[in-house]
Amino acid sequence: MNNLENEYPEEVQKYARTFFEYPDFLEFIVEEIIDEQIIFDAICKGSFNKFVKGEDLKLDFDEYAEIAEKSKIRTAVRNLKHDGLVDTIEDETGEDVIFMTEKGKKHITEKNKKV
């Protein structure tokens, strides 16, 4: 779970790892089908922003809820990319733009014909 070696300070990574010590958190990410690495990265990013500002690293409920929701979406997109149904491209601002592939379009068309 540590693809972020040298990307974030150890203090930030240590804080993010604490989430994985709680059985309820692990159960939540399994139930919500969230990839562990994706949510770990998101927690690191959120707490790193606080670290840079000199604030307490702890995420409040709203910050954590936003991270969890975005992590669900990122996991779903990653899975759809893996299946070849969507792909992404980076726009001029560095943001990922998601688009449906030809395989994805064909899949949706076939699925709609069955309904």
Protein backbone atom coordinates (compact mmCIF):
# COMPACT_ATOMS: atom_id res chain seq x y z
CA MET A 1 0.00 0.00 0.00
CA ASN A 2 2.97 2.29 -0.17
CA ASN A 3 3.35 3.50 -3.76
CA LEU A 4 3.85 6.94 -2.26
CA GLU A 5 7.33 6.36 -0.87
CA ASN A 6 9.09 9.74 -1.00
CA GLU A 7 5.99 11.48 -2.39
CA TYR A 8 4.52 12.42 0.99
CA PRO A 9 6.27 12.98 4.32
CA GLU A 10 6.37 9.94 6.60
CA GLU A 11 4.14 11.77 9.11
CA VAL A 12 1.41 12.06 6.47
CA GLN A 13 1.76 8.41 5.40
CA LYS A 14 1.71 7.29 9.04
CA TYR A 15 -1.55 9.20 9.60
CA ALA A 16 -3.11 7.63 6.49
CA ARG A 17 -2.06 4.15 7.62
CA THR A 18 -3.90 4.59 10.93
CA PHE A 19 -7.23 4.33 9.10
CA PHE A 20 -6.38 0.78 8.10
CA GLU A 21 -5.97 -0.25 11.74
CA TYR A 22 -9.72 0.01 12.33
CA PRO A 23 -11.85 -3.00 11.40
CA ASP A 24 -14.83 -0.70 10.72
CA PHE A 25 -12.80 1.23 8.14
CA LEU A 26 -11.68 -1.96 6.43
CA GLU A 27 -15.24 -3.24 6.41
CA PHE A 28 -16.43 0.08 4.96
CA ILE A 29 -14.01 0.02 2.05
CA VAL A 30 -14.92 -3.59 1.29
CA GLU A 31 -18.66 -2.85 1.42
CA GLU A 32 -18.29 0.29 -0.66
CA ILE A 33 -15.91 -1.46 -3.07
CA ILE A 34 -13.14 1.10 -2.66
CA ASP A 35 -9.60 0.22 -3.67
CA GLU A 36 -7.25 0.45 -0.67
CA GLN A 37 -4.48 2.20 -2.60
CA ILE A 38 -6.87 4.77 -4.04
CA ILE A 39 -8.29 5.77 -0.64
CA PHE A 40 -4.81 5.67 0.95
CA ASP A 41 -3.54 8.08 -1.72
CA ALA A 42 -6.57 10.35 -1.22
CA ILE A 43 -6.13 10.45 2.56
CA CYS A 44 -2.44 11.28 2.09
CA LYS A 45 -3.30 14.08 -0.32
CA GLY A 46 -5.93 15.54 2.00
CA SER A 47 -3.72 15.42 5.08
CA PHE A 48 -0.70 16.67 3.11
CA ASN A 49 -2.59 19.86 2.27
CA LYS A 50 -3.04 20.39 6.02
CA PHE A 51 0.61 19.47 6.66
CA VAL A 52 1.80 22.18 4.26
CA LYS A 53 -0.40 24.76 6.01
CA GLY A 54 0.96 23.68 9.41
CA GLU A 55 -2.46 22.43 10.51
CA ASP A 56 -3.40 19.25 12.38
CA LEU A 57 -3.39 16.38 9.87
CA LYS A 58 -6.69 14.93 11.08
CA LEU A 59 -9.52 15.03 8.59
CA ASP A 60 -12.92 16.18 9.77
CA PHE A 61 -16.08 14.27 8.88
CA ASP A 62 -16.88 16.34 5.79
CA GLU A 63 -13.32 16.06 4.44
CA TYR A 64 -13.31 12.31 5.01
CA ALA A 65 -16.78 11.90 3.44
CA GLU A 66 -15.60 13.74 0.32
CA ILE A 67 -12.46 11.58 0.14
CA ALA A 68 -14.54 8.41 0.48
CA GLU A 69 -16.96 9.46 -2.27
CA LYS A 70 -14.19 10.46 -4.66
CA SER A 71 -12.38 7.20 -3.90
CA LYS A 72 -15.50 5.21 -4.83
CA ILE A 73 -15.66 7.07 -8.13
CA ARG A 74 -11.94 6.63 -8.83
CA THR A 75 -12.22 2.91 -8.07
CA ALA A 76 -15.20 2.55 -10.43
CA VAL A 77 -13.41 4.46 -13.22
CA ARG A 78 -10.28 2.37 -12.73
CA ASN A 79 -12.35 -0.81 -13.01
CA LEU A 80 -14.15 0.45 -16.12
CA LYS A 81 -10.79 1.37 -17.66
CA HIS A 82 -9.48 -2.08 -16.82
CA ASP A 83 -12.50 -3.59 -18.61
CA GLY A 84 -11.85 -1.31 -21.60
CA LEU A 85 -15.25 0.40 -21.34
CA VAL A 86 -13.89 3.90 -20.62
CA ASP A 87 -10.59 5.69 -20.90
CA THR A 88 -9.19 8.99 -19.71
CA ILE A 89 -7.13 11.76 -21.17
CA GLU A 90 -5.58 14.71 -19.38
CA ASP A 91 -6.89 18.12 -20.38
CA GLU A 92 -4.89 21.35 -20.55
CA THR A 93 -5.41 21.97 -16.82
CA GLY A 94 -4.07 18.53 -15.86
CA GLU A 95 -7.50 17.13 -15.00
CA ASP A 96 -8.55 13.70 -16.25
CA VAL A 97 -11.43 13.68 -18.71
CA ILE A 98 -13.32 10.39 -18.84
CA PHE A 99 -14.78 9.17 -22.11
CA MET A 100 -16.47 6.01 -23.29
CA THR A 101 -14.46 3.77 -25.61
CA GLU A 102 -15.88 2.07 -28.69
CA LYS A 103 -16.09 -1.14 -26.61
CA GLY A 104 -18.05 0.77 -23.95
CA LYS A 105 -20.42 2.26 -26.51
CA LYS A 106 -21.02 -1.17 -28.02
CA HIS A 107 -21.61 -2.65 -24.56
CA ILE A 108 -24.21 0.01 -23.69
CA THR A 109 -25.96 -0.37 -27.06
CA GLU A 110 -26.17 -4.15 -26.64
CA LYS A 111 -27.36 -3.82 -23.04
CA ASN A 112 -30.09 -1.34 -24.05
CA LYS A 113 -31.34 -3.69 -26.79
CA LYS A 114 -31.97 -6.37 -24.13
CA VAL A 115 -34.15 -4.06 -22.04
